[in-house]
């Protein structure tokens, strides 16, 4: 009888020891899974953080337009229209962009466009908003203090009746009257210059437009 009890006790101890070892093994596996999961989670956060930083850096654009980082130049065609040969960035940025031409014909710009539904502005506008309008297919008429009053009034009348155009003064430009579209620009002698109509015909919502049909209303106005 005593021998049988001793045998049963030994068997129970063996089962208990086996169960204890199994429990320890499960605990080790669980710790391993927890550690592995933590490492994966941290790695994901690091990668995600790098991605966010890079994305923010790309969106922010620094203080210089991407086309300034990738220099280009104007090439003048037989029709007198200058075409920009080089990269024109299209990133939305919040910092000031230094464009390689004045007025600019493209490049990184503000996320809000300048209203260009025949809008005539009597004060200088922010280039970064106007460039966004060019991206939508607008033609931008600009003039400096050397432009004649009659020409300014005639051009304003033309702009007011032409969707996807805008007009504003620009004392930084070299010539009295200039016309700009995305990637293209020319100087005209006055409102009666036939090149005004030719430029409007070709570039208002023309083939150069990066975002054809995009709105010219609902943006920024003075």
Protein backbone atom coordinates (compact mmCIF):
# COMPACT_ATOMS: atom_id res chain seq x y z
CA UNK A 1 0.00 0.00 0.00
CA UNK A 2 2.77 2.37 1.01
CA UNK A 3 4.64 1.51 -2.16
CA UNK A 4 1.57 2.31 -4.30
CA UNK A 5 1.12 5.69 -2.61
CA UNK A 6 4.77 6.48 -3.11
CA UNK A 7 4.51 5.58 -6.78
CA UNK A 8 1.43 7.81 -7.22
CA UNK A 9 3.14 10.68 -5.43
CA UNK A 10 6.17 10.36 -7.67
CA UNK A 11 3.96 10.38 -10.78
CA UNK A 12 2.13 13.51 -9.59
CA UNK A 13 5.42 15.24 -8.92
CA UNK A 14 6.60 14.31 -12.38
CA UNK A 15 3.40 15.69 -13.95
CA UNK A 16 3.68 18.88 -11.86
CA UNK A 17 7.32 19.31 -12.93
CA UNK A 18 6.34 18.74 -16.55
CA UNK A 19 3.58 21.32 -16.29
CA UNK A 20 5.98 23.78 -14.62
CA UNK A 21 8.49 23.35 -17.42
CA UNK A 22 5.76 23.80 -20.03
CA UNK A 23 4.60 26.98 -18.30
CA UNK A 24 8.16 28.32 -18.24
CA UNK A 25 8.50 27.54 -21.93
CA UNK A 26 5.26 29.42 -22.66
CA UNK A 27 6.48 32.38 -20.62
CA UNK A 28 9.75 32.44 -22.56
CA UNK A 29 7.84 32.34 -25.86
CA UNK A 30 5.54 35.14 -24.72
CA UNK A 31 8.47 37.31 -23.65
CA UNK A 32 10.11 36.69 -27.00
CA UNK A 33 6.93 37.68 -28.87
CA UNK A 34 6.51 40.81 -26.77
CA UNK A 35 10.12 41.86 -27.35
CA UNK A 36 9.88 41.13 -31.08
CA UNK A 37 6.62 43.06 -31.34
CA UNK A 38 8.14 46.02 -29.54
CA UNK A 39 11.15 46.06 -31.86
CA UNK A 40 8.90 45.94 -34.93
CA UNK A 41 6.71 48.72 -33.54
CA UNK A 42 9.70 50.94 -32.78
CA UNK A 43 11.14 50.29 -36.24
CA UNK A 44 7.81 51.19 -37.80
CA UNK A 45 7.68 54.42 -35.82
CA UNK A 46 11.21 55.31 -36.85
CA UNK A 47 10.49 54.62 -40.52
CA UNK A 48 7.20 56.49 -40.28
CA UNK A 49 8.94 59.41 -38.63
CA UNK A 50 11.55 59.55 -41.36
CA UNK A 51 8.81 59.44 -43.98
CA UNK A 52 6.89 62.27 -42.30
CA UNK A 53 10.03 64.38 -41.97
CA UNK A 54 10.89 63.80 -45.60
CA UNK A 55 7.34 64.57 -46.69
CA UNK A 56 7.28 67.76 -44.65
CA UNK A 57 10.66 68.70 -46.05
CA UNK A 58 9.42 68.11 -49.58
CA UNK A 59 6.24 70.10 -48.96
CA UNK A 60 8.07 72.90 -47.21
CA UNK A 61 10.45 73.35 -50.08
CA UNK A 62 12.86 75.53 -48.12
CA UNK A 63 13.30 79.11 -49.27
CA UNK A 64 14.28 78.36 -52.85
CA UNK A 65 12.14 77.09 -55.71
CA UNK A 66 12.97 73.67 -57.09
CA UNK A 67 13.54 75.26 -60.50
CA UNK A 68 16.26 77.38 -58.89
CA UNK A 69 17.86 74.17 -57.63
CA UNK A 70 17.69 72.84 -61.20
CA UNK A 71 18.65 75.92 -63.24
CA UNK A 72 17.21 76.58 -66.64
CA UNK A 73 17.04 79.43 -69.10
CA UNK A 74 14.69 81.18 -71.48
CA UNK A 75 14.90 80.34 -75.17
CA UNK A 76 13.24 82.83 -77.50
CA UNK A 77 11.23 81.44 -80.40
CA UNK A 78 10.68 82.92 -83.84
CA UNK A 79 7.38 84.37 -82.61
CA UNK A 80 9.13 86.30 -79.85
CA UNK A 81 7.76 84.11 -77.06
CA UNK A 82 10.35 83.02 -74.51
CA UNK A 83 10.07 79.42 -73.34
CA UNK A 84 11.68 78.28 -70.09
CA UNK A 85 14.00 75.34 -70.69
CA UNK A 86 14.49 73.69 -67.32
CA UNK A 87 12.61 72.12 -64.45
CA UNK A 88 9.70 74.05 -62.97
CA UNK A 89 8.73 72.68 -59.56
CA UNK A 90 5.07 72.28 -58.66
CA UNK A 91 5.28 71.67 -54.91
CA UNK A 92 3.03 73.61 -52.55
CA UNK A 93 5.20 75.50 -50.06
CA UNK A 94 4.67 78.00 -47.27
CA UNK A 95 8.06 79.71 -47.28
CA UNK A 96 9.09 82.43 -49.70
CA UNK A 97 10.23 81.17 -53.10
CA UNK A 98 13.07 82.90 -54.94
CA UNK A 99 12.20 82.59 -58.61
CA UNK A 100 14.89 82.80 -61.32
CA UNK A 101 12.78 85.14 -63.46
CA UNK A 102 10.47 88.14 -62.91
CA UNK A 103 7.57 87.77 -63.23
CA UNK A 104 7.89 84.03 -62.59
CA UNK A 105 6.47 81.59 -65.12
CA UNK A 106 6.33 78.56 -62.83
CA UNK A 107 7.96 76.78 -59.94
CA UNK A 108 7.01 75.84 -56.40
CA UNK A 109 4.18 78.01 -55.14
CA UNK A 110 1.64 78.69 -52.43
CA UNK A 111 -1.21 76.20 -52.10
CA UNK A 112 -3.77 79.01 -52.63
CA UNK A 113 -4.12 80.40 -56.13
CA UNK A 114 -4.85 84.02 -56.99
CA UNK A 115 -8.30 84.52 -58.48
CA UNK A 116 -7.84 84.72 -62.24
CA UNK A 117 -11.33 84.93 -63.67
CA UNK A 118 -10.63 88.22 -65.43
CA UNK A 119 -9.36 89.76 -62.20
CA UNK A 120 -7.53 93.10 -62.34
CA UNK A 121 -5.41 93.96 -59.31
CA UNK A 122 -4.26 97.53 -58.73
CA UNK A 123 -1.52 96.56 -56.27
CA UNK A 124 1.37 94.15 -56.62
CA UNK A 125 0.42 90.55 -55.85
CA UNK A 126 2.33 87.71 -54.23
CA UNK A 127 4.21 85.83 -56.95
CA UNK A 128 3.65 82.53 -55.14
CA UNK A 129 -0.12 82.83 -55.47
CA UNK A 130 0.03 84.07 -59.06
CA UNK A 131 2.24 81.15 -60.11
CA UNK A 132 -0.47 78.80 -58.83
CA UNK A 133 -2.89 80.60 -61.17
CA UNK A 134 -0.51 79.97 -64.07
CA UNK A 135 -0.56 76.30 -63.13
CA UNK A 136 -4.33 76.42 -63.65
CA UNK A 137 -3.84 77.75 -67.18
CA UNK A 138 -4.13 81.49 -66.62
CA UNK A 139 -2.34 84.26 -68.52
CA UNK A 140 -0.89 86.96 -66.27
CA UNK A 141 -0.57 90.52 -67.59
CA UNK A 142 1.94 92.66 -65.68
CA UNK A 143 3.19 96.22 -66.09
CA UNK A 144 5.59 98.63 -64.41
CA UNK A 145 5.65 102.41 -63.96
CA UNK A 146 6.88 102.92 -67.54
CA UNK A 147 3.65 101.57 -69.05
CA UNK A 148 1.26 104.15 -70.48
CA UNK A 149 -2.05 104.81 -68.74
CA UNK A 150 -4.08 104.20 -71.93
CA UNK A 151 -2.39 100.82 -72.44
CA UNK A 152 -3.03 99.82 -68.84
CA UNK A 153 -6.72 100.70 -69.12
CA UNK A 154 -7.12 98.89 -72.46
CA UNK A 155 -5.39 95.77 -71.17
CA UNK A 156 -7.51 95.84 -68.00
CA UNK A 157 -10.65 95.94 -70.12
CA UNK A 158 -9.44 92.93 -72.12
CA UNK A 159 -8.57 90.97 -69.00
CA UNK A 160 -11.93 91.69 -67.35
CA UNK A 161 -13.78 90.03 -70.20
CA UNK A 162 -11.42 87.04 -70.50
CA UNK A 163 -11.73 84.10 -68.08
CA UNK A 164 -8.45 82.56 -66.91
CA UNK A 165 -6.56 85.84 -66.99
CA UNK A 166 -5.35 88.28 -64.35
CA UNK A 167 -3.47 91.57 -64.29
CA UNK A 168 -1.33 93.38 -61.75
CA UNK A 169 1.51 95.92 -61.48
CA UNK A 170 5.07 94.63 -61.08
CA UNK A 171 7.76 97.25 -60.59
CA UNK A 172 10.44 94.55 -60.46
CA UNK A 173 10.06 93.48 -64.10
CA UNK A 174 12.41 94.73 -66.79
CA UNK A 175 9.93 95.79 -69.49
CA UNK A 176 6.85 98.04 -69.32
CA UNK A 177 4.30 95.35 -70.29
CA UNK A 178 4.80 91.60 -70.08
CA UNK A 179 2.59 88.55 -70.57
CA UNK A 180 3.23 85.31 -68.70
CA UNK A 181 1.86 81.77 -68.82
CA UNK A 182 3.20 78.56 -67.29
CA UNK A 183 6.68 78.16 -68.80
CA UNK A 184 6.24 81.01 -71.31
CA UNK A 185 6.63 84.79 -71.40
CA UNK A 186 6.89 87.71 -73.77
CA UNK A 187 7.12 91.50 -73.85
CA UNK A 188 4.58 93.53 -75.84
CA UNK A 189 4.75 97.15 -76.96
CA UNK A 190 1.25 98.07 -75.83
CA UNK A 191 -2.40 97.06 -75.70
CA UNK A 192 -2.76 97.29 -79.49
CA UNK A 193 0.20 95.01 -80.15
CA UNK A 194 -1.20 92.03 -82.12
CA UNK A 195 1.00 89.75 -80.02
CA UNK A 196 -1.35 90.33 -77.07
CA UNK A 197 -4.22 88.56 -78.83
CA UNK A 198 -1.87 85.87 -80.15
CA UNK A 199 -0.52 85.15 -76.67
CA UNK A 200 -4.01 84.99 -75.13
CA UNK A 201 -5.23 82.71 -77.92
CA UNK A 202 -2.37 80.27 -77.48
CA UNK A 203 -1.87 80.20 -73.73
CA UNK A 204 -5.20 80.85 -72.00
CA UNK A 205 -5.93 77.25 -70.94
CA UNK A 206 -3.35 76.26 -73.54
CA UNK A 207 -1.40 73.04 -74.00
CA UNK A 208 1.22 74.21 -71.49
CA UNK A 209 -1.33 74.09 -68.63
CA UNK A 210 -0.29 71.59 -65.93
CA UNK A 211 -3.81 71.49 -64.44
CA UNK A 212 -6.30 72.24 -67.23
CA UNK A 213 -9.78 73.11 -66.03
CA UNK A 214 -8.69 73.82 -62.44
CA UNK A 215 -10.56 76.70 -60.80
CA UNK A 216 -9.71 80.37 -61.24
CA UNK A 217 -12.25 81.39 -58.61
CA UNK A 218 -12.52 80.61 -54.92
CA UNK A 219 -8.88 81.49 -54.32
CA UNK A 220 -7.18 84.60 -52.97
CA UNK A 221 -8.23 88.13 -53.92
CA UNK A 222 -7.03 91.57 -52.86
